[in-house]
Amino acid sequence: MWLNGAIPIFFELSVEVTFPIGESTSAGAIMLLSNLVQVVYLFVPLASVGTAWMSWALAAVVPLCGALLVPCDLKYQRRAIDTRGDRGSSDAAAAGGGGFAPVAGAGAAGARQPRA
């Protein structure tokens, strides 16, 4: 019931922890590991083993993952860059090529798009 609600939080956590690495790489690594675990579950012969082990595996994995999160020290480097407004190198901004420019006719929302 709570599993799907936590997925975006774990993706954000992985992106923050691995910040200099791109978001797609972090998300891809999580998806790869998730798919590998699912393949293991699919190849277990349920007729001979049964399904009770799945409940025990879940009961063991949840506290294990919680324990792995305890020493995780986040510095939120990505958020710090976003709040500083540092969108690129100062050379690109000085030349007028970096950063974001307001979109004409964007309305009250003030939508922005990258400069060309």
N, C-alpha and C. Protein backbone atom coordinates (compact mmCIF):
# COMPACT_ATOMS: atom_id res chain seq x y z
N MET A 1 0.81 -1.17 0.00
CA MET A 1 0.00 0.00 0.00
C MET A 1 0.87 1.26 0.00
N TRP A 2 1.95 1.30 0.77
CA TRP A 2 2.78 2.49 0.88
C TRP A 2 3.95 2.46 -0.08
N LEU A 3 4.15 1.37 -0.77
CA LEU A 3 5.33 1.21 -1.63
C LEU A 3 5.37 2.24 -2.75
N ASN A 4 4.31 2.40 -3.50
CA ASN A 4 4.33 3.29 -4.65
C ASN A 4 4.42 4.77 -4.25
N GLY A 5 3.97 5.12 -3.09
CA GLY A 5 4.09 6.50 -2.63
C GLY A 5 5.52 6.88 -2.29
N ALA A 6 6.35 5.92 -1.94
CA ALA A 6 7.73 6.19 -1.54
C ALA A 6 8.69 6.20 -2.72
N ILE A 7 8.28 5.69 -3.85
CA ILE A 7 9.19 5.58 -5.00
C ILE A 7 9.76 6.94 -5.42
N PRO A 8 8.96 8.00 -5.59
CA PRO A 8 9.55 9.29 -5.97
C PRO A 8 10.51 9.84 -4.92
N ILE A 9 10.24 9.57 -3.66
CA ILE A 9 11.15 10.03 -2.60
C ILE A 9 12.50 9.35 -2.72
N PHE A 10 12.50 8.05 -3.02
CA PHE A 10 13.77 7.34 -3.16
C PHE A 10 14.53 7.78 -4.41
N PHE A 11 13.81 8.10 -5.47
CA PHE A 11 14.49 8.62 -6.65
C PHE A 11 15.14 9.96 -6.34
N GLU A 12 14.44 10.84 -5.63
CA GLU A 12 15.02 12.13 -5.26
C GLU A 12 16.21 11.95 -4.33
N LEU A 13 16.12 11.01 -3.40
CA LEU A 13 17.22 10.74 -2.49
C LEU A 13 18.45 10.26 -3.27
N SER A 14 18.24 9.38 -4.22
CA SER A 14 19.37 8.88 -5.00
C SER A 14 20.01 9.98 -5.83
N VAL A 15 19.22 10.89 -6.35
CA VAL A 15 19.76 12.00 -7.13
C VAL A 15 20.55 12.94 -6.24
N GLU A 16 20.06 13.21 -5.03
CA GLU A 16 20.78 14.10 -4.11
C GLU A 16 22.09 13.46 -3.65
N VAL A 17 22.07 12.17 -3.36
CA VAL A 17 23.27 11.49 -2.87
C VAL A 17 24.34 11.41 -3.95
N THR A 18 23.94 11.22 -5.18
CA THR A 18 24.90 11.06 -6.28
C THR A 18 24.97 12.31 -7.14
N PHE A 19 24.84 13.50 -6.54
CA PHE A 19 24.61 14.74 -7.28
C PHE A 19 25.47 15.00 -8.51
N PRO A 20 26.77 15.00 -8.47
CA PRO A 20 27.45 15.38 -9.71
C PRO A 20 27.10 14.46 -10.88
N ILE A 21 26.66 13.28 -10.56
CA ILE A 21 26.23 12.33 -11.60
C ILE A 21 24.82 12.73 -12.02
N GLY A 22 24.50 12.56 -13.28
CA GLY A 22 23.21 12.97 -13.81
C GLY A 22 22.04 12.22 -13.21
N GLU A 23 20.87 12.86 -13.24
CA GLU A 23 19.67 12.26 -12.68
C GLU A 23 19.30 10.97 -13.40
N SER A 24 19.49 10.96 -14.71
CA SER A 24 19.11 9.76 -15.47
C SER A 24 19.98 8.57 -15.11
N THR A 25 21.23 8.81 -14.78
CA THR A 25 22.12 7.71 -14.39
C THR A 25 21.69 7.14 -13.04
N SER A 26 21.37 8.00 -12.10
CA SER A 26 20.91 7.53 -10.79
C SER A 26 19.60 6.77 -10.91
N ALA A 27 18.66 7.32 -11.66
CA ALA A 27 17.37 6.65 -11.84
C ALA A 27 17.53 5.34 -12.60
N GLY A 28 18.41 5.33 -13.58
CA GLY A 28 18.66 4.10 -14.33
C GLY A 28 19.25 3.00 -13.46
N ALA A 29 20.15 3.37 -12.55
CA ALA A 29 20.74 2.37 -11.65
C ALA A 29 19.69 1.79 -10.72
N ILE A 30 18.78 2.64 -10.21
CA ILE A 30 17.72 2.13 -9.34
C ILE A 30 16.79 1.20 -10.12
N MET A 31 16.44 1.59 -11.33
CA MET A 31 15.55 0.74 -12.14
C MET A 31 16.22 -0.59 -12.48
N LEU A 32 17.52 -0.56 -12.79
CA LEU A 32 18.25 -1.79 -13.09
C LEU A 32 18.23 -2.73 -11.89
N LEU A 33 18.55 -2.21 -10.71
CA LEU A 33 18.54 -3.05 -9.50
C LEU A 33 17.15 -3.56 -9.19
N SER A 34 16.14 -2.72 -9.37
CA SER A 34 14.77 -3.14 -9.13
C SER A 34 14.37 -4.28 -10.08
N ASN A 35 14.72 -4.14 -11.33
CA ASN A 35 14.39 -5.18 -12.30
C ASN A 35 15.14 -6.48 -12.03
N LEU A 36 16.38 -6.38 -11.57
CA LEU A 36 17.13 -7.60 -11.24
C LEU A 36 16.49 -8.34 -10.07
N VAL A 37 16.03 -7.60 -9.06
CA VAL A 37 15.34 -8.24 -7.93
C VAL A 37 14.05 -8.88 -8.41
N GLN A 38 13.32 -8.22 -9.29
CA GLN A 38 12.08 -8.79 -9.80
C GLN A 38 12.33 -10.06 -10.61
N VAL A 39 13.43 -10.10 -11.34
CA VAL A 39 13.77 -11.31 -12.10
C VAL A 39 14.03 -12.47 -11.15
N VAL A 40 14.70 -12.21 -10.03
CA VAL A 40 14.94 -13.27 -9.04
C VAL A 40 13.60 -13.80 -8.53
N TYR A 41 12.68 -12.91 -8.22
CA TYR A 41 11.36 -13.34 -7.74
C TYR A 41 10.63 -14.15 -8.81
N LEU A 42 10.80 -13.81 -10.08
CA LEU A 42 10.09 -14.53 -11.13
C LEU A 42 10.64 -15.93 -11.37
N PHE A 43 11.93 -16.13 -11.12
CA PHE A 43 12.52 -17.43 -11.40
C PHE A 43 12.50 -18.39 -10.21
N VAL A 44 11.98 -17.96 -9.09
CA VAL A 44 11.85 -18.86 -7.94
C VAL A 44 10.68 -19.80 -8.21
N PRO A 45 10.91 -21.11 -8.14
CA PRO A 45 9.82 -22.07 -8.40
C PRO A 45 8.82 -22.07 -7.24
N LEU A 46 7.72 -21.36 -7.40
CA LEU A 46 6.74 -21.21 -6.33
C LEU A 46 6.05 -22.51 -5.97
N ALA A 47 5.95 -23.45 -6.91
CA ALA A 47 5.28 -24.72 -6.63
C ALA A 47 6.05 -25.52 -5.58
N SER A 48 7.36 -25.46 -5.60
CA SER A 48 8.14 -26.25 -4.64
C SER A 48 8.53 -25.45 -3.39
N VAL A 49 8.67 -24.14 -3.51
CA VAL A 49 9.14 -23.32 -2.39
C VAL A 49 7.98 -22.70 -1.61
N GLY A 50 6.92 -22.33 -2.29
CA GLY A 50 5.81 -21.66 -1.65
C GLY A 50 5.99 -20.15 -1.69
N THR A 51 5.11 -19.44 -1.03
CA THR A 51 5.17 -17.98 -1.05
C THR A 51 5.42 -17.36 0.31
N ALA A 52 5.51 -18.16 1.36
CA ALA A 52 5.71 -17.62 2.70
C ALA A 52 7.05 -16.89 2.81
N TRP A 53 8.03 -17.31 2.06
CA TRP A 53 9.36 -16.68 2.13
C TRP A 53 9.32 -15.23 1.66
N MET A 54 8.36 -14.90 0.79
CA MET A 54 8.26 -13.52 0.30
C MET A 54 7.93 -12.56 1.43
N SER A 55 7.03 -12.95 2.32
CA SER A 55 6.68 -12.11 3.46
C SER A 55 7.88 -11.93 4.39
N TRP A 56 8.63 -13.03 4.61
CA TRP A 56 9.81 -12.94 5.46
C TRP A 56 10.90 -12.10 4.81
N ALA A 57 11.04 -12.20 3.50
CA ALA A 57 12.05 -11.39 2.80
C ALA A 57 11.69 -9.91 2.91
N LEU A 58 10.43 -9.57 2.76
CA LEU A 58 10.00 -8.18 2.89
C LEU A 58 10.20 -7.68 4.32
N ALA A 59 9.88 -8.55 5.28
CA ALA A 59 10.05 -8.16 6.69
C ALA A 59 11.53 -7.95 7.03
N ALA A 60 12.44 -8.60 6.32
CA ALA A 60 13.87 -8.42 6.58
C ALA A 60 14.43 -7.23 5.81
N VAL A 61 13.94 -6.99 4.61
CA VAL A 61 14.49 -5.94 3.76
C VAL A 61 14.11 -4.54 4.25
N VAL A 62 12.91 -4.37 4.75
CA VAL A 62 12.46 -3.03 5.17
C VAL A 62 13.34 -2.48 6.30
N PRO A 63 13.57 -3.22 7.39
CA PRO A 63 14.46 -2.67 8.42
C PRO A 63 15.91 -2.53 7.94
N LEU A 64 16.34 -3.42 7.06
CA LEU A 64 17.69 -3.33 6.52
C LEU A 64 17.87 -2.03 5.74
N CYS A 65 16.93 -1.72 4.89
CA CYS A 65 17.00 -0.47 4.12
C CYS A 65 16.88 0.75 5.02
N GLY A 66 16.05 0.67 6.03
CA GLY A 66 15.95 1.76 7.00
C GLY A 66 17.27 1.98 7.72
N ALA A 67 17.95 0.89 8.08
CA ALA A 67 19.25 1.01 8.74
C ALA A 67 20.30 1.60 7.80
N LEU A 68 20.20 1.31 6.52
CA LEU A 68 21.15 1.88 5.56
C LEU A 68 20.93 3.38 5.35
N LEU A 69 19.72 3.86 5.61
CA LEU A 69 19.43 5.29 5.45
C LEU A 69 19.90 6.13 6.64
N VAL A 70 20.08 5.51 7.79
CA VAL A 70 20.46 6.25 8.99
C VAL A 70 21.77 7.00 8.83
N PRO A 71 22.86 6.38 8.33
CA PRO A 71 24.11 7.13 8.22
C PRO A 71 24.18 8.04 6.99
N CYS A 72 23.15 8.10 6.21
CA CYS A 72 23.14 8.91 4.99
C CYS A 72 23.13 10.39 5.35
N ASP A 73 24.22 11.09 5.03
CA ASP A 73 24.35 12.50 5.34
C ASP A 73 24.14 13.31 4.07
N LEU A 74 22.99 13.96 3.97
CA LEU A 74 22.67 14.73 2.78
C LEU A 74 23.12 16.17 2.93
N LYS A 75 23.72 16.69 1.89
CA LYS A 75 24.13 18.08 1.88
C LYS A 75 23.27 18.91 0.92
N TYR A 76 22.41 18.30 0.16
CA TYR A 76 21.51 18.97 -0.77
C TYR A 76 22.27 19.95 -1.67
N GLN A 77 23.33 19.49 -2.29
CA GLN A 77 24.13 20.33 -3.18
C GLN A 77 23.34 20.79 -4.39
N ARG A 78 22.51 19.91 -4.92
CA ARG A 78 21.71 20.25 -6.10
C ARG A 78 20.73 21.37 -5.78
N ARG A 79 20.07 21.28 -4.63
CA ARG A 79 19.13 22.31 -4.23
C ARG A 79 19.85 23.63 -3.95
N ALA A 80 21.06 23.56 -3.38
CA ALA A 80 21.82 24.78 -3.10
C ALA A 80 22.16 25.50 -4.40
N ILE A 81 22.50 24.77 -5.43
CA ILE A 81 22.79 25.39 -6.73
C ILE A 81 21.53 26.00 -7.32
N ASP A 82 20.40 25.32 -7.20
CA ASP A 82 19.15 25.84 -7.72
C ASP A 82 18.73 27.13 -7.01
N THR A 83 18.89 27.19 -5.71
CA THR A 83 18.47 28.38 -4.98
C THR A 83 19.44 29.54 -5.15
N ARG A 84 20.70 29.27 -5.43
CA ARG A 84 21.66 30.33 -5.71
C ARG A 84 21.41 30.96 -7.05
N GLY A 85 20.77 30.24 -7.95
CA GLY A 85 20.53 30.74 -9.30
C GLY A 85 21.69 30.49 -10.22
N ASP A 86 22.59 29.62 -9.82
CA ASP A 86 23.77 29.30 -10.62
C ASP A 86 23.37 28.29 -11.68
N ARG A 87 23.02 28.75 -12.85
CA ARG A 87 22.52 27.87 -13.91
C ARG A 87 23.60 27.49 -14.92
N GLY A 88 24.76 27.95 -14.76
CA GLY A 88 25.83 27.63 -15.70
C GLY A 88 27.05 28.43 -15.35
N SER A 89 28.03 28.38 -16.21
CA SER A 89 29.25 29.12 -15.92
C SER A 89 29.02 30.61 -16.08
N SER A 90 29.81 31.41 -15.38
CA SER A 90 29.64 32.86 -15.45
C SER A 90 30.03 33.38 -16.83
N ASP A 91 30.92 32.67 -17.55
CA ASP A 91 31.29 33.09 -18.90
C ASP A 91 30.10 33.01 -19.85
N ALA A 92 29.31 31.94 -19.72
CA ALA A 92 28.15 31.78 -20.59
C ALA A 92 27.09 32.83 -20.27
N ALA A 93 26.93 33.15 -18.99
CA ALA A 93 25.94 34.16 -18.60
C ALA A 93 26.37 35.54 -19.07
N ALA A 94 27.67 35.82 -19.00
CA ALA A 94 28.16 37.13 -19.43
C ALA A 94 28.00 37.30 -20.94
N ALA A 95 28.11 36.21 -21.67
CA ALA A 95 27.98 36.27 -23.12
C ALA A 95 26.51 36.26 -23.55
N GLY A 96 25.61 36.09 -22.58
CA GLY A 96 24.18 36.10 -22.91
C GLY A 96 23.68 34.73 -23.35
N GLY A 97 24.49 33.69 -23.24
CA GLY A 97 24.07 32.39 -23.71
C GLY A 97 23.58 31.46 -22.62
N GLY A 98 23.94 31.72 -21.37
CA GLY A 98 23.58 30.81 -20.30
C GLY A 98 22.33 31.23 -19.58
N GLY A 99 21.85 30.40 -18.71
CA GLY A 99 20.73 30.75 -17.87
C GLY A 99 19.38 30.59 -18.55
N PHE A 100 18.39 31.24 -17.97
CA PHE A 100 17.03 31.11 -18.46
C PHE A 100 16.47 32.50 -18.75
N ALA A 101 15.61 32.55 -19.73
CA ALA A 101 14.98 33.82 -20.11
C ALA A 101 13.48 33.67 -20.02
N PRO A 102 12.76 34.73 -19.61
CA PRO A 102 11.30 34.65 -19.57
C PRO A 102 10.73 34.43 -20.96
N VAL A 103 9.66 33.66 -21.01
CA VAL A 103 9.00 33.38 -22.28
C VAL A 103 7.99 34.49 -22.54
N ALA A 104 8.00 35.04 -23.74
CA ALA A 104 7.05 36.09 -24.09
C ALA A 104 5.64 35.53 -24.07
N GLY A 105 4.73 36.24 -23.46
CA GLY A 105 3.33 35.79 -23.41
C GLY A 105 3.11 34.67 -22.43
N ALA A 106 4.00 34.51 -21.43
CA ALA A 106 3.87 33.40 -20.50
C ALA A 106 2.77 33.64 -19.49
N GLY A 107 2.32 34.86 -19.35
CA GLY A 107 1.25 35.14 -18.40
C GLY A 107 1.80 35.32 -17.01
N ALA A 108 0.91 35.17 -16.03
CA ALA A 108 1.28 35.41 -14.64
C ALA A 108 2.21 34.35 -14.09
N ALA A 109 2.22 33.18 -14.71
CA ALA A 109 3.06 32.09 -14.21
C ALA A 109 4.53 32.39 -14.36
N GLY A 110 4.90 33.21 -15.35
CA GLY A 110 6.31 33.55 -15.53
C GLY A 110 7.12 32.36 -15.96
N ALA A 111 6.59 31.54 -16.84
CA ALA A 111 7.30 30.35 -17.30
C ALA A 111 8.64 30.74 -17.92
N ARG A 112 9.60 29.90 -17.75
CA ARG A 112 10.93 30.17 -18.28
C ARG A 112 11.36 29.01 -19.17
N GLN A 113 12.20 29.35 -20.10
CA GLN A 113 12.77 28.32 -20.97
C GLN A 113 14.23 28.63 -21.16
N PRO A 114 15.06 27.62 -21.49
CA PRO A 114 16.49 27.88 -21.69
C PRO A 114 16.71 28.83 -22.87
N ARG A 115 17.70 29.67 -22.73
CA ARG A 115 18.06 30.56 -23.84
C ARG A 115 18.72 29.76 -24.93
N ALA A 116 18.50 30.18 -26.15
CA ALA A 116 19.07 29.47 -27.29
C ALA A 116 20.52 29.86 -27.51
